[in-house]
Amino acid sequence: RGQGHSAAFTTTLNGFSVTLLPTGTRPDVGGLTLGNGNTLRGMRIVNGAGAGLTGASVGTLSVTEASVHATGGAALDLTSGTVTITVDSLRSTNSTGRGIHLSGIAGTVTVNGGTASSVTNAQTGGIVVAGGSVGLTWPGDLSQAQNAALVSVSGGHSGTLTFGTGAVSATNGSGLQFDNADGTYAFNNGLTFS
């Protein structure tokens, strides 16, 4: 970010033209595939044709001051690691896979943004948590019209998943699936299945 600047400006850095954004403006980046041990801060991750944040064996991952919006892919698809994620909003729309997938993940995922956060019509499951002890705080809407679970928890997951004020509804699929789910699961705004 262009520290102290009130408007974007372009400069040359190491022979490349670089546009610096005004102070407080988060840059848009496309979907990211993460390696082991990352810290992400101050960006909007936007992918109009695929996943937002993906990574196998993410190790220690920290994400703050960010938003993740994916169309046609998962907003989060993370495997094996300990995370501290706090995002302003998170959306997955019409994913060809899962909306959110957390497998073997410990730590916390806190999603803010109320109904600005949503998972809609993920083909193989809305929010899917397999194993691990991750805690998830989810404020937004969850909706499923595909022939898949709205929420699926399995593999001995032992964390707390809290679904807040958003609408949780399914017009197709298998609704809520809990198989060897050993944690605490709270749906604070009711459920609608038809």
N, C-alpha and C. Protein backbone atom coordinates (compact mmCIF):
# COMPACT_ATOMS: atom_id res chain seq x y z
N ARG A 1 0.84 -1.18 0.00
CA ARG A 1 0.00 0.00 0.00
C ARG A 1 0.88 1.24 0.00
N GLY A 2 0.39 2.28 -0.63
CA GLY A 2 1.12 3.53 -0.69
C GLY A 2 0.95 4.31 0.60
N GLN A 3 1.80 4.06 1.56
CA GLN A 3 1.68 4.64 2.90
C GLN A 3 1.60 6.16 2.83
N GLY A 4 0.53 6.74 3.39
CA GLY A 4 0.39 8.18 3.47
C GLY A 4 -0.13 8.85 2.20
N HIS A 5 -0.43 8.11 1.17
CA HIS A 5 -0.90 8.68 -0.08
C HIS A 5 -2.42 8.58 -0.16
N SER A 6 -3.05 9.63 -0.69
CA SER A 6 -4.51 9.66 -0.76
C SER A 6 -5.04 9.21 -2.12
N ALA A 7 -4.17 8.95 -3.09
CA ALA A 7 -4.59 8.48 -4.40
C ALA A 7 -3.57 7.47 -4.92
N ALA A 8 -4.02 6.60 -5.79
CA ALA A 8 -3.11 5.62 -6.39
C ALA A 8 -2.07 6.34 -7.25
N PHE A 9 -0.88 5.80 -7.29
CA PHE A 9 0.11 6.34 -8.19
C PHE A 9 1.00 5.21 -8.70
N THR A 10 1.61 5.44 -9.85
CA THR A 10 2.44 4.43 -10.49
C THR A 10 3.90 4.88 -10.45
N THR A 11 4.76 3.92 -10.14
CA THR A 11 6.18 4.20 -10.08
C THR A 11 6.92 3.02 -10.72
N THR A 12 8.21 3.16 -10.92
CA THR A 12 9.02 2.08 -11.47
C THR A 12 9.87 1.50 -10.35
N LEU A 13 9.82 0.19 -10.21
CA LEU A 13 10.56 -0.51 -9.18
C LEU A 13 11.29 -1.67 -9.84
N ASN A 14 12.61 -1.66 -9.79
CA ASN A 14 13.43 -2.71 -10.42
C ASN A 14 13.05 -2.93 -11.88
N GLY A 15 12.76 -1.84 -12.58
CA GLY A 15 12.46 -1.93 -14.00
C GLY A 15 11.02 -2.29 -14.32
N PHE A 16 10.17 -2.45 -13.29
CA PHE A 16 8.77 -2.80 -13.51
C PHE A 16 7.87 -1.66 -13.07
N SER A 17 6.82 -1.44 -13.83
CA SER A 17 5.83 -0.44 -13.47
C SER A 17 4.94 -1.02 -12.36
N VAL A 18 4.84 -0.30 -11.24
CA VAL A 18 4.08 -0.76 -10.09
C VAL A 18 3.09 0.33 -9.70
N THR A 19 1.82 -0.05 -9.52
CA THR A 19 0.82 0.89 -9.04
C THR A 19 0.64 0.69 -7.55
N LEU A 20 0.86 1.74 -6.79
CA LEU A 20 0.67 1.72 -5.35
C LEU A 20 -0.69 2.32 -5.03
N LEU A 21 -1.43 1.65 -4.17
CA LEU A 21 -2.79 2.07 -3.83
C LEU A 21 -2.76 3.07 -2.69
N PRO A 22 -3.82 3.89 -2.58
CA PRO A 22 -3.87 4.83 -1.47
C PRO A 22 -3.92 4.11 -0.13
N THR A 23 -3.49 4.79 0.90
CA THR A 23 -3.53 4.24 2.25
C THR A 23 -4.94 3.74 2.57
N GLY A 24 -5.03 2.53 3.12
CA GLY A 24 -6.31 1.96 3.52
C GLY A 24 -7.03 1.21 2.43
N THR A 25 -6.50 1.19 1.20
CA THR A 25 -7.13 0.47 0.11
C THR A 25 -6.48 -0.89 -0.04
N ARG A 26 -7.28 -1.92 0.03
CA ARG A 26 -6.75 -3.27 -0.09
C ARG A 26 -6.67 -3.67 -1.56
N PRO A 27 -5.56 -4.24 -1.98
CA PRO A 27 -5.46 -4.68 -3.37
C PRO A 27 -6.28 -5.95 -3.61
N ASP A 28 -6.78 -6.10 -4.83
CA ASP A 28 -7.45 -7.33 -5.25
C ASP A 28 -6.40 -8.27 -5.80
N VAL A 29 -6.42 -9.51 -5.34
CA VAL A 29 -5.56 -10.55 -5.91
C VAL A 29 -6.46 -11.72 -6.29
N GLY A 30 -6.02 -12.51 -7.25
CA GLY A 30 -6.78 -13.68 -7.67
C GLY A 30 -6.68 -14.80 -6.66
N GLY A 31 -7.19 -15.96 -7.00
CA GLY A 31 -7.09 -17.11 -6.11
C GLY A 31 -5.64 -17.44 -5.78
N LEU A 32 -5.40 -17.87 -4.55
CA LEU A 32 -4.04 -18.18 -4.11
C LEU A 32 -3.92 -19.64 -3.71
N THR A 33 -2.84 -20.29 -4.14
CA THR A 33 -2.49 -21.63 -3.68
C THR A 33 -1.33 -21.46 -2.71
N LEU A 34 -1.53 -21.90 -1.49
CA LEU A 34 -0.58 -21.66 -0.41
C LEU A 34 0.36 -22.83 -0.21
N GLY A 35 1.59 -22.51 0.17
CA GLY A 35 2.54 -23.50 0.61
C GLY A 35 2.47 -23.62 2.12
N ASN A 36 3.57 -24.01 2.74
CA ASN A 36 3.64 -24.21 4.18
C ASN A 36 4.10 -22.92 4.86
N GLY A 37 3.33 -22.45 5.86
CA GLY A 37 3.75 -21.32 6.66
C GLY A 37 3.60 -19.98 5.99
N ASN A 38 2.39 -19.45 5.92
CA ASN A 38 2.12 -18.17 5.25
C ASN A 38 1.45 -17.19 6.19
N THR A 39 1.70 -15.90 5.95
CA THR A 39 0.99 -14.81 6.62
C THR A 39 0.44 -13.91 5.54
N LEU A 40 -0.88 -13.74 5.52
CA LEU A 40 -1.54 -12.88 4.54
C LEU A 40 -2.27 -11.78 5.30
N ARG A 41 -2.11 -10.54 4.84
CA ARG A 41 -2.73 -9.42 5.55
C ARG A 41 -3.05 -8.30 4.57
N GLY A 42 -4.26 -7.75 4.70
CA GLY A 42 -4.60 -6.54 3.97
C GLY A 42 -4.85 -6.73 2.49
N MET A 43 -5.70 -7.69 2.12
CA MET A 43 -6.00 -7.89 0.70
C MET A 43 -7.41 -8.42 0.51
N ARG A 44 -7.89 -8.27 -0.71
CA ARG A 44 -9.15 -8.87 -1.12
C ARG A 44 -8.81 -9.96 -2.12
N ILE A 45 -9.13 -11.20 -1.76
CA ILE A 45 -8.86 -12.33 -2.64
C ILE A 45 -10.15 -12.59 -3.40
N VAL A 46 -10.11 -12.39 -4.71
CA VAL A 46 -11.31 -12.47 -5.55
C VAL A 46 -11.00 -13.34 -6.74
N ASN A 47 -11.77 -14.42 -6.90
CA ASN A 47 -11.61 -15.28 -8.08
C ASN A 47 -12.99 -15.50 -8.68
N GLY A 48 -13.19 -15.00 -9.87
CA GLY A 48 -14.47 -15.12 -10.55
C GLY A 48 -14.65 -16.44 -11.27
N ALA A 49 -13.62 -17.30 -11.26
CA ALA A 49 -13.72 -18.58 -11.98
C ALA A 49 -12.89 -19.65 -11.27
N GLY A 50 -13.08 -19.78 -9.96
CA GLY A 50 -12.35 -20.82 -9.23
C GLY A 50 -12.25 -20.50 -7.75
N ALA A 51 -11.29 -21.15 -7.10
CA ALA A 51 -11.16 -21.09 -5.64
C ALA A 51 -10.50 -19.80 -5.16
N GLY A 52 -10.74 -19.49 -3.88
CA GLY A 52 -10.11 -18.34 -3.23
C GLY A 52 -8.76 -18.71 -2.65
N LEU A 53 -8.74 -19.36 -1.48
CA LEU A 53 -7.51 -19.81 -0.83
C LEU A 53 -7.49 -21.33 -0.78
N THR A 54 -6.45 -21.92 -1.35
CA THR A 54 -6.30 -23.37 -1.31
C THR A 54 -4.90 -23.71 -0.83
N GLY A 55 -4.75 -24.89 -0.24
CA GLY A 55 -3.43 -25.33 0.15
C GLY A 55 -3.47 -26.68 0.85
N ALA A 56 -2.54 -27.54 0.47
CA ALA A 56 -2.34 -28.82 1.14
C ALA A 56 -1.12 -28.65 2.04
N SER A 57 -1.21 -29.15 3.25
CA SER A 57 -0.11 -28.99 4.23
C SER A 57 0.24 -27.53 4.41
N VAL A 58 -0.74 -26.74 4.87
CA VAL A 58 -0.53 -25.30 5.00
C VAL A 58 0.35 -24.93 6.20
N GLY A 59 0.61 -25.89 7.10
CA GLY A 59 1.45 -25.58 8.25
C GLY A 59 0.80 -24.53 9.12
N THR A 60 1.56 -23.50 9.49
CA THR A 60 1.03 -22.39 10.28
C THR A 60 0.60 -21.29 9.32
N LEU A 61 -0.68 -20.96 9.34
CA LEU A 61 -1.24 -19.97 8.42
C LEU A 61 -1.94 -18.89 9.21
N SER A 62 -1.65 -17.64 8.87
CA SER A 62 -2.32 -16.49 9.47
C SER A 62 -2.90 -15.62 8.36
N VAL A 63 -4.19 -15.30 8.48
CA VAL A 63 -4.86 -14.42 7.52
C VAL A 63 -5.64 -13.38 8.32
N THR A 64 -5.36 -12.09 8.09
CA THR A 64 -6.09 -11.00 8.75
C THR A 64 -6.33 -9.88 7.76
N GLU A 65 -7.28 -9.01 8.11
CA GLU A 65 -7.61 -7.84 7.29
C GLU A 65 -7.77 -8.22 5.83
N ALA A 66 -8.59 -9.23 5.60
CA ALA A 66 -8.77 -9.76 4.25
C ALA A 66 -10.22 -10.13 4.02
N SER A 67 -10.58 -10.30 2.77
CA SER A 67 -11.85 -10.89 2.38
C SER A 67 -11.56 -11.90 1.28
N VAL A 68 -12.41 -12.93 1.19
CA VAL A 68 -12.23 -13.98 0.19
C VAL A 68 -13.55 -14.21 -0.51
N HIS A 69 -13.57 -14.02 -1.83
CA HIS A 69 -14.79 -14.22 -2.61
C HIS A 69 -14.46 -15.09 -3.82
N ALA A 70 -15.14 -16.23 -3.92
CA ALA A 70 -14.88 -17.17 -5.01
C ALA A 70 -16.18 -17.54 -5.70
N THR A 71 -16.15 -17.58 -7.01
CA THR A 71 -17.27 -18.06 -7.81
C THR A 71 -16.79 -19.27 -8.59
N GLY A 72 -17.49 -20.38 -8.46
CA GLY A 72 -17.11 -21.60 -9.17
C GLY A 72 -16.08 -22.43 -8.43
N GLY A 73 -15.73 -22.04 -7.21
CA GLY A 73 -14.74 -22.78 -6.42
C GLY A 73 -14.92 -22.51 -4.94
N ALA A 74 -14.16 -23.22 -4.12
CA ALA A 74 -14.22 -23.04 -2.67
C ALA A 74 -13.62 -21.70 -2.28
N ALA A 75 -14.21 -21.06 -1.27
CA ALA A 75 -13.59 -19.86 -0.71
C ALA A 75 -12.34 -20.27 0.07
N LEU A 76 -12.44 -21.33 0.87
CA LEU A 76 -11.31 -21.91 1.59
C LEU A 76 -11.27 -23.39 1.32
N ASP A 77 -10.12 -23.91 0.93
CA ASP A 77 -9.91 -25.34 0.76
C ASP A 77 -8.53 -25.65 1.32
N LEU A 78 -8.47 -25.95 2.63
CA LEU A 78 -7.21 -26.07 3.35
C LEU A 78 -7.06 -27.43 4.00
N THR A 79 -5.84 -27.96 3.95
CA THR A 79 -5.54 -29.27 4.51
C THR A 79 -4.32 -29.20 5.39
N SER A 80 -4.38 -29.87 6.53
CA SER A 80 -3.23 -30.15 7.38
C SER A 80 -2.46 -28.92 7.83
N GLY A 81 -2.87 -28.35 8.97
CA GLY A 81 -2.15 -27.23 9.51
C GLY A 81 -2.87 -26.60 10.68
N THR A 82 -2.28 -25.55 11.20
CA THR A 82 -2.86 -24.76 12.28
C THR A 82 -3.05 -23.35 11.76
N VAL A 83 -4.28 -22.87 11.82
CA VAL A 83 -4.60 -21.59 11.20
C VAL A 83 -5.13 -20.60 12.23
N THR A 84 -4.88 -19.34 11.95
CA THR A 84 -5.53 -18.23 12.63
C THR A 84 -6.02 -17.33 11.51
N ILE A 85 -7.31 -17.45 11.22
CA ILE A 85 -7.90 -16.72 10.10
C ILE A 85 -9.02 -15.85 10.62
N THR A 86 -8.94 -14.55 10.34
CA THR A 86 -10.03 -13.62 10.63
C THR A 86 -10.24 -12.81 9.36
N VAL A 87 -11.41 -12.98 8.74
CA VAL A 87 -11.70 -12.29 7.49
C VAL A 87 -12.93 -11.40 7.66
N ASP A 88 -12.95 -10.32 6.89
CA ASP A 88 -14.07 -9.38 6.93
C ASP A 88 -15.31 -9.97 6.28
N SER A 89 -15.11 -10.75 5.23
CA SER A 89 -16.22 -11.45 4.59
C SER A 89 -15.66 -12.62 3.80
N LEU A 90 -16.51 -13.62 3.58
CA LEU A 90 -16.10 -14.81 2.86
C LEU A 90 -17.30 -15.31 2.07
N ARG A 91 -17.12 -15.52 0.76
CA ARG A 91 -18.22 -15.99 -0.09
C ARG A 91 -17.74 -17.05 -1.05
N SER A 92 -18.57 -18.08 -1.21
CA SER A 92 -18.39 -19.06 -2.28
C SER A 92 -19.74 -19.24 -2.94
N THR A 93 -19.76 -19.05 -4.25
CA THR A 93 -21.01 -19.16 -5.01
C THR A 93 -20.84 -20.17 -6.13
N ASN A 94 -21.74 -21.15 -6.17
CA ASN A 94 -21.78 -22.15 -7.24
C ASN A 94 -20.45 -22.88 -7.43
N SER A 95 -19.84 -23.27 -6.33
CA SER A 95 -18.59 -24.02 -6.41
C SER A 95 -18.81 -25.37 -7.10
N THR A 96 -17.87 -25.76 -7.94
CA THR A 96 -17.95 -27.08 -8.56
C THR A 96 -17.53 -28.17 -7.58
N GLY A 97 -17.03 -27.78 -6.42
CA GLY A 97 -16.68 -28.70 -5.33
C GLY A 97 -17.38 -28.27 -4.06
N ARG A 98 -16.59 -27.99 -3.03
CA ARG A 98 -17.12 -27.56 -1.74
C ARG A 98 -17.06 -26.03 -1.64
N GLY A 99 -17.90 -25.48 -0.76
CA GLY A 99 -17.84 -24.03 -0.51
C GLY A 99 -16.69 -23.68 0.42
N ILE A 100 -16.59 -24.42 1.53
CA ILE A 100 -15.48 -24.33 2.47
C ILE A 100 -15.09 -25.75 2.81
N HIS A 101 -13.80 -26.06 2.75
CA HIS A 101 -13.30 -27.40 3.08
C HIS A 101 -12.10 -27.25 4.00
N LEU A 102 -12.21 -27.81 5.21
CA LEU A 102 -11.14 -27.77 6.19
C LEU A 102 -10.87 -29.19 6.62
N SER A 103 -9.71 -29.74 6.27
CA SER A 103 -9.38 -31.13 6.56
C SER A 103 -8.10 -31.20 7.38
N GLY A 104 -8.20 -31.78 8.58
CA GLY A 104 -7.03 -31.89 9.44
C GLY A 104 -6.50 -30.55 9.90
N ILE A 105 -7.41 -29.60 10.11
CA ILE A 105 -7.03 -28.23 10.47
C ILE A 105 -7.32 -27.99 11.95
N ALA A 106 -6.37 -27.36 12.64
CA ALA A 106 -6.54 -26.89 14.01
C ALA A 106 -6.53 -25.37 13.98
N GLY A 107 -6.86 -24.74 15.10
CA GLY A 107 -6.84 -23.29 15.19
C GLY A 107 -8.22 -22.70 15.08
N THR A 108 -8.31 -21.48 14.53
CA THR A 108 -9.59 -20.78 14.45
C THR A 108 -9.80 -20.12 13.09
N VAL A 109 -11.05 -20.15 12.66
CA VAL A 109 -11.48 -19.41 11.47
C VAL A 109 -12.66 -18.55 11.92
N THR A 110 -12.45 -17.24 11.90
CA THR A 110 -13.50 -16.30 12.30
C THR A 110 -13.90 -15.50 11.07
N VAL A 111 -15.16 -15.64 10.70
CA VAL A 111 -15.68 -14.93 9.53
C VAL A 111 -16.60 -13.83 10.04
N ASN A 112 -16.34 -12.62 9.64
CA ASN A 112 -17.20 -11.48 9.99
C ASN A 112 -18.05 -11.14 8.78
N GLY A 113 -18.72 -10.02 8.83
CA GLY A 113 -19.43 -9.54 7.65
C GLY A 113 -20.89 -9.90 7.59
N GLY A 114 -21.42 -10.59 8.60
CA GLY A 114 -22.84 -10.91 8.59
C GLY A 114 -23.25 -11.57 7.28
N THR A 115 -24.35 -11.09 6.70
CA THR A 115 -24.85 -11.70 5.48
C THR A 115 -24.04 -11.33 4.25
N ALA A 116 -22.99 -10.52 4.39
CA ALA A 116 -22.05 -10.32 3.28
C ALA A 116 -21.24 -11.59 3.06
N SER A 117 -21.27 -12.48 4.04
CA SER A 117 -20.60 -13.77 3.93
C SER A 117 -21.65 -14.83 3.60
N SER A 118 -21.33 -15.72 2.64
CA SER A 118 -22.30 -16.74 2.26
C SER A 118 -21.62 -17.89 1.53
N VAL A 119 -22.25 -19.05 1.64
CA VAL A 119 -21.90 -20.21 0.81
C VAL A 119 -23.19 -20.65 0.15
N THR A 120 -23.19 -20.67 -1.18
CA THR A 120 -24.40 -20.94 -1.95
C THR A 120 -24.14 -22.00 -3.00
N ASN A 121 -24.92 -23.10 -2.95
CA ASN A 121 -24.98 -24.11 -4.00
C ASN A 121 -23.64 -24.75 -4.37
N ALA A 122 -22.90 -25.20 -3.37
CA ALA A 122 -21.65 -25.93 -3.65
C ALA A 122 -22.00 -27.36 -4.04
N GLN A 123 -21.46 -27.85 -5.15
CA GLN A 123 -21.88 -29.13 -5.71
C GLN A 123 -21.57 -30.34 -4.85
N THR A 124 -20.47 -30.31 -4.07
CA THR A 124 -20.15 -31.49 -3.27
C THR A 124 -20.18 -31.22 -1.77
N GLY A 125 -20.78 -30.10 -1.36
CA GLY A 125 -20.97 -29.81 0.06
C GLY A 125 -20.70 -28.36 0.37
N GLY A 126 -21.56 -27.76 1.20
CA GLY A 126 -21.42 -26.36 1.55
C GLY A 126 -20.20 -26.10 2.43
N ILE A 127 -20.30 -26.48 3.70
CA ILE A 127 -19.16 -26.40 4.62
C ILE A 127 -18.82 -27.83 5.01
N VAL A 128 -17.60 -28.24 4.70
CA VAL A 128 -17.15 -29.61 4.94
C VAL A 128 -15.92 -29.56 5.85
N VAL A 129 -16.03 -30.19 7.03
CA VAL A 129 -14.94 -30.24 7.99
C VAL A 129 -14.63 -31.70 8.27
N ALA A 130 -13.39 -32.11 8.02
CA ALA A 130 -12.97 -33.50 8.21
C ALA A 130 -11.79 -33.53 9.18
N GLY A 131 -12.00 -34.12 10.36
CA GLY A 131 -10.94 -34.23 11.35
C GLY A 131 -10.52 -32.89 11.89
N GLY A 132 -9.41 -32.89 12.61
CA GLY A 132 -8.88 -31.66 13.17
C GLY A 132 -9.71 -31.16 14.34
N SER A 133 -9.34 -29.97 14.81
CA SER A 133 -10.03 -29.37 15.95
C SER A 133 -10.36 -27.90 15.69
N VAL A 134 -10.39 -27.52 14.43
CA VAL A 134 -10.63 -26.12 14.07
C VAL A 134 -11.94 -25.63 14.66
N GLY A 135 -11.92 -24.37 15.13
CA GLY A 135 -13.13 -23.68 15.53
C GLY A 135 -13.53 -22.72 14.43
N LEU A 136 -14.80 -22.74 14.08
CA LEU A 136 -15.31 -21.88 13.01
C LEU A 136 -16.45 -21.04 13.56
N THR A 137 -16.36 -19.73 13.35
CA THR A 137 -17.46 -18.83 13.66
C THR A 137 -17.97 -18.29 12.34
N TRP A 138 -19.23 -18.62 12.03
CA TRP A 138 -19.82 -18.30 10.73
C TRP A 138 -21.07 -17.45 10.92
N PRO A 139 -21.10 -16.20 10.38
CA PRO A 139 -22.26 -15.34 10.58
C PRO A 139 -23.25 -15.34 9.41
N GLY A 140 -22.82 -15.82 8.27
CA GLY A 140 -23.55 -15.58 7.03
C GLY A 140 -24.58 -16.63 6.67
N ASP A 141 -25.10 -16.48 5.47
CA ASP A 141 -26.10 -17.41 4.95
C ASP A 141 -25.43 -18.66 4.40
N LEU A 142 -26.12 -19.77 4.54
CA LEU A 142 -25.74 -21.04 3.91
C LEU A 142 -26.97 -21.54 3.17
N SER A 143 -26.81 -21.82 1.88
CA SER A 143 -27.95 -22.37 1.14
C SER A 143 -27.47 -23.44 0.17
N GLN A 144 -28.31 -24.45 0.01
CA GLN A 144 -27.95 -25.59 -0.83
C GLN A 144 -29.14 -26.00 -1.68
N ALA A 145 -28.95 -26.00 -3.00
CA ALA A 145 -29.94 -26.52 -3.93
C ALA A 145 -29.38 -27.70 -4.71
N GLN A 146 -28.09 -28.02 -4.48
CA GLN A 146 -27.44 -29.16 -5.14
C GLN A 146 -27.73 -30.44 -4.35
N ASN A 147 -27.45 -31.58 -4.95
CA ASN A 147 -27.66 -32.87 -4.29
C ASN A 147 -26.43 -33.21 -3.45
N ALA A 148 -26.20 -32.44 -2.39
CA ALA A 148 -25.04 -32.63 -1.52
C ALA A 148 -25.38 -32.05 -0.15
N ALA A 149 -24.51 -32.31 0.82
CA ALA A 149 -24.74 -31.82 2.18
C ALA A 149 -24.60 -30.30 2.25
N LEU A 150 -25.40 -29.71 3.10
CA LEU A 150 -25.25 -28.30 3.41
C LEU A 150 -24.05 -28.12 4.35
N VAL A 151 -23.98 -28.93 5.40
CA VAL A 151 -22.86 -28.97 6.33
C VAL A 151 -22.52 -30.43 6.56
N SER A 152 -21.23 -30.79 6.46
CA SER A 152 -20.77 -32.16 6.70
C SER A 152 -19.57 -32.11 7.63
N VAL A 153 -19.65 -32.83 8.76
CA VAL A 153 -18.57 -32.89 9.73
C VAL A 153 -18.26 -34.36 9.99
N SER A 154 -16.97 -34.74 9.90
CA SER A 154 -16.60 -36.14 10.04
C SER A 154 -15.18 -36.28 10.55
N GLY A 155 -14.73 -37.50 10.68
CA GLY A 155 -13.32 -37.79 10.95
C GLY A 155 -12.85 -37.48 12.35
N GLY A 156 -13.77 -37.43 13.33
CA GLY A 156 -13.37 -37.16 14.70
C GLY A 156 -13.12 -35.69 14.99
N HIS A 157 -13.70 -34.80 14.19
CA HIS A 157 -13.53 -33.36 14.44
C HIS A 157 -13.93 -33.05 15.88
N SER A 158 -13.10 -32.24 16.56
CA SER A 158 -13.34 -31.98 17.99
C SER A 158 -13.46 -30.50 18.34
N GLY A 159 -13.58 -29.64 17.36
CA GLY A 159 -13.68 -28.22 17.64
C GLY A 159 -15.11 -27.76 17.79
N THR A 160 -15.30 -26.44 17.78
CA THR A 160 -16.63 -25.83 17.91
C THR A 160 -16.95 -25.09 16.62
N LEU A 161 -18.09 -25.41 16.04
CA LEU A 161 -18.59 -24.70 14.86
C LEU A 161 -19.83 -23.93 15.28
N THR A 162 -19.80 -22.61 15.11
CA THR A 162 -20.92 -21.76 15.52
C THR A 162 -21.47 -21.04 14.30
N PHE A 163 -22.73 -21.27 14.04
CA PHE A 163 -23.43 -20.64 12.93
C PHE A 163 -24.34 -19.59 13.52
N GLY A 164 -24.11 -18.31 13.16
CA GLY A 164 -24.76 -17.20 13.82
C GLY A 164 -26.10 -16.80 13.26
N THR A 165 -26.17 -15.58 12.75
CA THR A 165 -27.46 -14.96 12.43
C THR A 165 -27.92 -15.19 11.00
N GLY A 166 -27.11 -15.77 10.15
CA GLY A 166 -27.50 -15.98 8.76
C GLY A 166 -28.52 -17.09 8.60
N ALA A 167 -29.19 -17.08 7.45
CA ALA A 167 -30.16 -18.13 7.13
C ALA A 167 -29.42 -19.41 6.75
N VAL A 168 -29.88 -20.54 7.26
CA VAL A 168 -29.32 -21.85 6.94
C VAL A 168 -30.44 -22.66 6.32
N SER A 169 -30.34 -22.93 5.01
CA SER A 169 -31.47 -23.57 4.32
C SER A 169 -31.00 -24.48 3.20
N ALA A 170 -31.81 -25.51 2.95
CA ALA A 170 -31.54 -26.43 1.84
C ALA A 170 -32.85 -26.83 1.20
N THR A 171 -32.86 -26.81 -0.13
CA THR A 171 -34.02 -27.28 -0.88
C THR A 171 -33.72 -28.59 -1.59
N ASN A 172 -32.50 -29.09 -1.42
CA ASN A 172 -32.08 -30.35 -2.04
C ASN A 172 -30.92 -30.88 -1.21
N GLY A 173 -30.48 -32.08 -1.50
CA GLY A 173 -29.31 -32.62 -0.84
C GLY A 173 -29.63 -33.31 0.47
N SER A 174 -28.57 -33.55 1.25
CA SER A 174 -28.71 -34.36 2.46
C SER A 174 -28.69 -33.53 3.75
N GLY A 175 -28.82 -32.22 3.67
CA GLY A 175 -28.94 -31.39 4.86
C GLY A 175 -27.67 -31.36 5.68
N LEU A 176 -27.79 -31.72 6.96
CA LEU A 176 -26.67 -31.74 7.88
C LEU A 176 -26.20 -33.16 8.07
N GLN A 177 -24.89 -33.41 7.92
CA GLN A 177 -24.32 -34.74 8.11
C GLN A 177 -23.24 -34.68 9.19
N PHE A 178 -23.41 -35.51 10.22
CA PHE A 178 -22.42 -35.62 11.29
C PHE A 178 -22.04 -37.08 11.43
N ASP A 179 -20.78 -37.42 11.15
CA ASP A 179 -20.28 -38.80 11.21
C ASP A 179 -18.96 -38.77 11.98
N ASN A 180 -18.95 -39.34 13.19
CA ASN A 180 -17.77 -39.28 14.06
C ASN A 180 -17.38 -37.83 14.29
N ALA A 181 -18.40 -37.02 14.61
CA ALA A 181 -18.21 -35.60 14.89
C ALA A 181 -18.26 -35.44 16.41
N ASP A 182 -17.13 -35.08 17.00
CA ASP A 182 -17.00 -35.09 18.46
C ASP A 182 -16.92 -33.71 19.06
N GLY A 183 -17.23 -32.68 18.31
CA GLY A 183 -17.13 -31.31 18.79
C GLY A 183 -18.46 -30.77 19.25
N THR A 184 -18.56 -29.45 19.24
CA THR A 184 -19.78 -28.74 19.61
C THR A 184 -20.25 -27.97 18.38
N TYR A 185 -21.55 -28.09 18.09
CA TYR A 185 -22.09 -27.51 16.86
C TYR A 185 -23.36 -26.74 17.20
N ALA A 186 -23.34 -25.42 16.97
CA ALA A 186 -24.46 -24.56 17.35
C ALA A 186 -25.00 -23.84 16.12
N PHE A 187 -26.30 -23.99 15.91
CA PHE A 187 -27.01 -23.27 14.84
C PHE A 187 -27.95 -22.30 15.54
N ASN A 188 -27.57 -21.04 15.59
CA ASN A 188 -28.26 -20.06 16.42
C ASN A 188 -29.43 -19.36 15.76
N ASN A 189 -29.66 -19.58 14.48
CA ASN A 189 -30.74 -18.91 13.80
C ASN A 189 -31.73 -19.88 13.18
N GLY A 190 -31.73 -21.11 13.63
CA GLY A 190 -32.66 -22.09 13.10
C GLY A 190 -32.24 -22.64 11.75
N LEU A 191 -32.98 -23.62 11.30
CA LEU A 191 -32.68 -24.33 10.05
C LEU A 191 -33.95 -24.42 9.22
N THR A 192 -33.82 -24.32 7.90
CA THR A 192 -34.97 -24.48 7.01
C THR A 192 -34.62 -25.51 5.96
N PHE A 193 -35.38 -26.61 5.93
CA PHE A 193 -35.18 -27.64 4.92
C PHE A 193 -36.51 -27.90 4.23
N SER A 194 -36.46 -27.99 2.91
CA SER A 194 -37.71 -28.29 2.18
C SER A 194 -37.41 -29.18 0.99
